[in-house]
Amino acid sequence: MTTKDGRKKGKLARFYDYLERGLYSLLIFSLVLATLFIFYEIFTSWPYYLHTEEGFINFVFFVLDRSLLALMLLEILHTIKISLEGPIKIAIEPFLMIGIIASVRRILVLSVEIAHPPEGCEVSETLFKQYMWETALLIVLILSFVLGIIILRRCLSSRPRKPSS
């Protein structure tokens, strides 16, 4: 094996490359398995939710929550794919997308917790304020992620392109 500049890689470097690829493969397998389990949970849990009071709305939030979690895992898989495609290049945008998805997911969970507290529990004014502060912080976080993506795309589009030969 040789590097880009034509030098031969040492045994230790080659071993590290194989080890890294093997660990990435294990991670990919684990993430795919986790995503499949999430979809299995979605498809098998609908009878439980539909036999309870307010079950349909809870099922909709459950499906939305699990779907966003699966989307986060798929974004992580996409990031791994980018890093395996060739020379190491840092791809920031997928991480920003994962942050947006995770924040939206948490806002949805908070809204369900406020609207449908567990039986026997009442949302006090103090707890409601805490939920609102967390929601406000998550909204600021989402806006900063979106701003980061906008800035990143503008910087990449304004970069001078290499002339093609």
C-alpha atoms as a PDB file:
ATOM      1  CA  MET A   1       0.000   0.000   0.000  1.00  0.00           C
ATOM      2  CA  THR A   2       1.219   3.462  -0.837  1.00  0.00           C
ATOM      3  CA  THR A   3       0.156   6.921   0.252  1.00  0.00           C
ATOM      4  CA  LYS A   4      -0.852   9.770  -2.056  1.00  0.00           C
ATOM      5  CA  ASP A   5       2.693  11.018  -2.347  1.00  0.00           C
ATOM      6  CA  GLY A   6       3.989   7.553  -3.359  1.00  0.00           C
ATOM      7  CA  ARG A   7       5.563   6.520  -0.037  1.00  0.00           C
ATOM      8  CA  LYS A   8       4.966   3.002   1.237  1.00  0.00           C
ATOM      9  CA  LYS A   9       2.980   2.613   4.427  1.00  0.00           C
ATOM     10  CA  GLY A  10       4.557   0.779   7.304  1.00  0.00           C
ATOM     11  CA  LYS A  11       3.092  -2.370   8.805  1.00  0.00           C
ATOM     12  CA  LEU A  12       1.758  -0.481  11.803  1.00  0.00           C
ATOM     13  CA  ALA A  13      -0.005   2.088   9.612  1.00  0.00           C
ATOM     14  CA  ARG A  14      -1.553  -0.669   7.482  1.00  0.00           C
ATOM     15  CA  PHE A  15      -2.669  -2.512  10.620  1.00  0.00           C
ATOM     16  CA  TYR A  16      -4.237   0.683  11.917  1.00  0.00           C
ATOM     17  CA  ASP A  17      -6.080   1.178   8.595  1.00  0.00           C
ATOM     18  CA  TYR A  18      -7.494  -2.371   8.746  1.00  0.00           C
ATOM     19  CA  LEU A  19      -8.417  -1.951  12.408  1.00  0.00           C
ATOM     20  CA  GLU A  20     -10.134   1.367  11.701  1.00  0.00           C
ATOM     21  CA  ARG A  21     -12.115  -0.112   8.801  1.00  0.00           C
ATOM     22  CA  GLY A  22     -13.088  -3.109  10.951  1.00  0.00           C
ATOM     23  CA  LEU A  23     -14.298  -0.884  13.777  1.00  0.00           C
ATOM     24  CA  TYR A  24     -16.225   1.284  11.327  1.00  0.00           C
ATOM     25  CA  SER A  25     -17.827  -1.880   9.955  1.00  0.00           C
ATOM     26  CA  LEU A  26     -18.870  -2.938  13.470  1.00  0.00           C
ATOM     27  CA  LEU A  27     -20.276   0.518  14.109  1.00  0.00           C
ATOM     28  CA  ILE A  28     -22.195   0.465  10.830  1.00  0.00           C
ATOM     29  CA  PHE A  29     -23.628  -2.959  11.653  1.00  0.00           C
ATOM     30  CA  SER A  30     -24.649  -1.770  15.145  1.00  0.00           C
ATOM     31  CA  LEU A  31     -26.328   1.381  13.827  1.00  0.00           C
ATOM     32  CA  VAL A  32     -28.200  -0.520  11.113  1.00  0.00           C
ATOM     33  CA  LEU A  33     -29.339  -3.064  13.703  1.00  0.00           C
ATOM     34  CA  ALA A  34     -30.468  -0.295  16.069  1.00  0.00           C
ATOM     35  CA  THR A  35     -32.396   1.399  13.252  1.00  0.00           C
ATOM     36  CA  LEU A  36     -34.103  -1.882  12.355  1.00  0.00           C
ATOM     37  CA  PHE A  37     -35.061  -2.394  16.026  1.00  0.00           C
ATOM     38  CA  ILE A  38     -36.547   1.102  16.109  1.00  0.00           C
ATOM     39  CA  PHE A  39     -38.729   0.327  13.094  1.00  0.00           C
ATOM     40  CA  TYR A  40     -39.674  -3.037  14.610  1.00  0.00           C
ATOM     41  CA  GLU A  41     -40.732  -1.227  17.795  1.00  0.00           C
ATOM     42  CA  ILE A  42     -42.836   1.221  15.782  1.00  0.00           C
ATOM     43  CA  PHE A  43     -44.634  -1.529  13.870  1.00  0.00           C
ATOM     44  CA  THR A  44     -45.255  -3.769  16.878  1.00  0.00           C
ATOM     45  CA  SER A  45     -46.355  -1.176  19.430  1.00  0.00           C
ATOM     46  CA  TRP A  46     -49.429   0.229  17.710  1.00  0.00           C
ATOM     47  CA  PRO A  47     -51.864  -2.248  19.391  1.00  0.00           C
ATOM     48  CA  TYR A  48     -50.681  -1.089  22.823  1.00  0.00           C
ATOM     49  CA  TYR A  49     -51.242   2.580  22.064  1.00  0.00           C
ATOM     50  CA  LEU A  50     -54.564   2.180  20.314  1.00  0.00           C
ATOM     51  CA  HIS A  51     -56.125   0.367  23.298  1.00  0.00           C
ATOM     52  CA  THR A  52     -55.514   3.232  25.736  1.00  0.00           C
ATOM     53  CA  GLU A  53     -57.285   6.517  26.263  1.00  0.00           C
ATOM     54  CA  GLU A  54     -55.801   9.210  24.011  1.00  0.00           C
ATOM     55  CA  GLY A  55     -53.837   6.367  22.442  1.00  0.00           C
ATOM     56  CA  PHE A  56     -53.875   7.603  18.869  1.00  0.00           C
ATOM     57  CA  ILE A  57     -52.273  10.965  19.643  1.00  0.00           C
ATOM     58  CA  ASN A  58     -49.689   9.272  21.871  1.00  0.00           C
ATOM     59  CA  PHE A  59     -48.970   6.788  19.087  1.00  0.00           C
ATOM     60  CA  VAL A  60     -48.438   9.622  16.600  1.00  0.00           C
ATOM     61  CA  PHE A  61     -45.934  11.291  18.942  1.00  0.00           C
ATOM     62  CA  PHE A  62     -44.281   7.916  19.599  1.00  0.00           C
ATOM     63  CA  VAL A  63     -43.871   7.251  15.867  1.00  0.00           C
ATOM     64  CA  LEU A  64     -42.571  10.773  15.280  1.00  0.00           C
ATOM     65  CA  ASP A  65     -40.098  10.453  18.163  1.00  0.00           C
ATOM     66  CA  ARG A  66     -38.811   7.064  17.006  1.00  0.00           C
ATOM     67  CA  SER A  67     -38.662   8.172  13.371  1.00  0.00           C
ATOM     68  CA  LEU A  68     -36.516  11.165  14.290  1.00  0.00           C
ATOM     69  CA  LEU A  69     -34.259   8.880  16.321  1.00  0.00           C
ATOM     70  CA  ALA A  70     -33.912   6.586  13.292  1.00  0.00           C
ATOM     71  CA  LEU A  71     -33.180   9.634  11.129  1.00  0.00           C
ATOM     72  CA  MET A  72     -30.403  10.644  13.541  1.00  0.00           C
ATOM     73  CA  LEU A  73     -28.877   7.172  13.259  1.00  0.00           C
ATOM     74  CA  LEU A  74     -29.078   7.340   9.467  1.00  0.00           C
ATOM     75  CA  GLU A  75     -27.335  10.731   9.486  1.00  0.00           C
ATOM     76  CA  ILE A  76     -24.567   9.205  11.606  1.00  0.00           C
ATOM     77  CA  LEU A  77     -24.310   6.353   9.087  1.00  0.00           C
ATOM     78  CA  HIS A  78     -24.049   8.915   6.297  1.00  0.00           C
ATOM     79  CA  THR A  79     -21.223  10.640   8.159  1.00  0.00           C
ATOM     80  CA  ILE A  80     -19.376   7.332   8.514  1.00  0.00           C
ATOM     81  CA  LYS A  81     -19.868   6.678   4.797  1.00  0.00           C
ATOM     82  CA  ILE A  82     -18.328  10.055   3.984  1.00  0.00           C
ATOM     83  CA  SER A  83     -15.297   9.311   6.123  1.00  0.00           C
ATOM     84  CA  LEU A  84     -14.824   5.886   4.487  1.00  0.00           C
ATOM     85  CA  GLU A  85     -15.069   7.169   0.913  1.00  0.00           C
ATOM     86  CA  GLY A  86     -11.536   8.385   0.669  1.00  0.00           C
ATOM     87  CA  PRO A  87      -9.006  10.643   2.247  1.00  0.00           C
ATOM     88  CA  ILE A  88     -10.115  12.020   5.554  1.00  0.00           C
ATOM     89  CA  LYS A  89     -12.130  15.169   5.128  1.00  0.00           C
ATOM     90  CA  ILE A  90     -14.165  16.719   7.843  1.00  0.00           C
ATOM     91  CA  ALA A  91     -17.836  16.934   6.974  1.00  0.00           C
ATOM     92  CA  ILE A  92     -19.460  19.324   9.408  1.00  0.00           C
ATOM     93  CA  GLU A  93     -22.917  19.568   7.873  1.00  0.00           C
ATOM     94  CA  PRO A  94     -24.087  16.047   8.832  1.00  0.00           C
ATOM     95  CA  PHE A  95     -23.259  16.763  12.473  1.00  0.00           C
ATOM     96  CA  LEU A  96     -25.235  20.002  12.331  1.00  0.00           C
ATOM     97  CA  MET A  97     -28.172  18.089  10.834  1.00  0.00           C
ATOM     98  CA  ILE A  98     -27.972  15.510  13.626  1.00  0.00           C
ATOM     99  CA  GLY A  99     -28.040  18.363  16.142  1.00  0.00           C
ATOM    100  CA  ILE A 100     -31.135  19.860  14.508  1.00  0.00           C
ATOM    101  CA  ILE A 101     -32.923  16.518  14.452  1.00  0.00           C
ATOM    102  CA  ALA A 102     -32.017  15.785  18.076  1.00  0.00           C
ATOM    103  CA  SER A 103     -33.213  19.222  19.198  1.00  0.00           C
ATOM    104  CA  VAL A 104     -36.510  18.939  17.318  1.00  0.00           C
ATOM    105  CA  ARG A 105     -36.977  15.484  18.792  1.00  0.00           C
ATOM    106  CA  ARG A 106     -36.463  16.817  22.323  1.00  0.00           C
ATOM    107  CA  ILE A 107     -38.931  19.681  21.718  1.00  0.00           C
ATOM    108  CA  LEU A 108     -41.535  17.153  20.581  1.00  0.00           C
ATOM    109  CA  VAL A 109     -40.933  14.996  23.653  1.00  0.00           C
ATOM    110  CA  LEU A 110     -41.237  18.056  25.903  1.00  0.00           C
ATOM    111  CA  SER A 111     -44.498  19.092  24.281  1.00  0.00           C
ATOM    112  CA  VAL A 112     -45.958  15.628  24.816  1.00  0.00           C
ATOM    113  CA  GLU A 113     -44.780  15.592  28.455  1.00  0.00           C
ATOM    114  CA  ILE A 114     -46.489  18.930  29.078  1.00  0.00           C
ATOM    115  CA  ALA A 115     -49.700  18.149  27.205  1.00  0.00           C
ATOM    116  CA  HIS A 116     -50.077  14.586  28.499  1.00  0.00           C
ATOM    117  CA  PRO A 117     -48.486  14.217  31.935  1.00  0.00           C
ATOM    118  CA  PRO A 118     -48.453  10.703  33.461  1.00  0.00           C
ATOM    119  CA  GLU A 119     -51.552   9.715  35.414  1.00  0.00           C
ATOM    120  CA  GLY A 120     -51.639  11.237  38.881  1.00  0.00           C
ATOM    121  CA  CYS A 121     -49.036  13.885  37.993  1.00  0.00           C
ATOM    122  CA  GLU A 122     -49.763  17.532  37.553  1.00  0.00           C
ATOM    123  CA  VAL A 123     -47.523  19.991  35.771  1.00  0.00           C
ATOM    124  CA  SER A 124     -46.761  22.701  38.313  1.00  0.00           C
ATOM    125  CA  GLU A 125     -45.961  26.279  37.386  1.00  0.00           C
ATOM    126  CA  THR A 126     -42.289  25.763  38.260  1.00  0.00           C
ATOM    127  CA  LEU A 127     -42.048  22.633  36.120  1.00  0.00           C
ATOM    128  CA  PHE A 128     -43.843  24.404  33.268  1.00  0.00           C
ATOM    129  CA  LYS A 129     -41.313  27.273  33.431  1.00  0.00           C
ATOM    130  CA  GLN A 130     -38.459  24.760  33.332  1.00  0.00           C
ATOM    131  CA  TYR A 131     -40.003  23.148  30.248  1.00  0.00           C
ATOM    132  CA  MET A 132     -40.356  26.558  28.607  1.00  0.00           C
ATOM    133  CA  TRP A 133     -36.730  27.506  29.364  1.00  0.00           C
ATOM    134  CA  GLU A 134     -35.531  24.206  27.933  1.00  0.00           C
ATOM    135  CA  THR A 135     -37.695  24.697  24.849  1.00  0.00           C
ATOM    136  CA  ALA A 136     -36.364  28.243  24.376  1.00  0.00           C
ATOM    137  CA  LEU A 137     -32.793  27.002  24.697  1.00  0.00           C
ATOM    138  CA  LEU A 138     -33.468  24.248  22.161  1.00  0.00           C
ATOM    139  CA  ILE A 139     -34.937  26.782  19.731  1.00  0.00           C
ATOM    140  CA  VAL A 140     -31.814  28.951  20.058  1.00  0.00           C
ATOM    141  CA  LEU A 141     -29.714  25.822  19.493  1.00  0.00           C
ATOM    142  CA  ILE A 142     -31.685  24.915  16.348  1.00  0.00           C
ATOM    143  CA  LEU A 143     -31.341  28.447  14.994  1.00  0.00           C
ATOM    144  CA  SER A 144     -27.584  28.381  15.617  1.00  0.00           C
ATOM    145  CA  PHE A 145     -27.294  25.021  13.813  1.00  0.00           C
ATOM    146  CA  VAL A 146     -29.273  26.402  10.851  1.00  0.00           C
ATOM    147  CA  LEU A 147     -27.114  29.535  10.819  1.00  0.00           C
ATOM    148  CA  GLY A 148     -24.026  27.316  10.872  1.00  0.00           C
ATOM    149  CA  ILE A 149     -25.293  25.376   7.858  1.00  0.00           C
ATOM    150  CA  ILE A 150     -26.063  28.610   5.978  1.00  0.00           C
ATOM    151  CA  ILE A 151     -22.603  30.019   6.712  1.00  0.00           C
ATOM    152  CA  LEU A 152     -20.948  26.729   5.787  1.00  0.00           C
ATOM    153  CA  ARG A 153     -22.771  26.530   2.458  1.00  0.00           C
ATOM    154  CA  ARG A 154     -21.990  30.158   1.606  1.00  0.00           C
ATOM    155  CA  CYS A 155     -18.316  29.643   2.407  1.00  0.00           C
ATOM    156  CA  LEU A 156     -18.171  26.508   0.274  1.00  0.00           C
ATOM    157  CA  SER A 157     -19.993  28.145  -2.645  1.00  0.00           C
ATOM    158  CA  SER A 158     -17.774  31.252  -2.599  1.00  0.00           C
ATOM    159  CA  ARG A 159     -14.565  29.195  -2.581  1.00  0.00           C
ATOM    160  CA  PRO A 160     -12.687  29.478  -5.892  1.00  0.00           C
ATOM    161  CA  ARG A 161     -12.953  26.293  -7.895  1.00  0.00           C
ATOM    162  CA  LYS A 162      -9.945  24.462  -9.292  1.00  0.00           C
ATOM    163  CA  PRO A 163      -9.766  24.680 -13.069  1.00  0.00           C
ATOM    164  CA  SER A 164     -10.572  21.343 -14.672  1.00  0.00           C
ATOM    165  CA  SER A 165      -7.999  19.909 -17.007  1.00  0.00           C
END
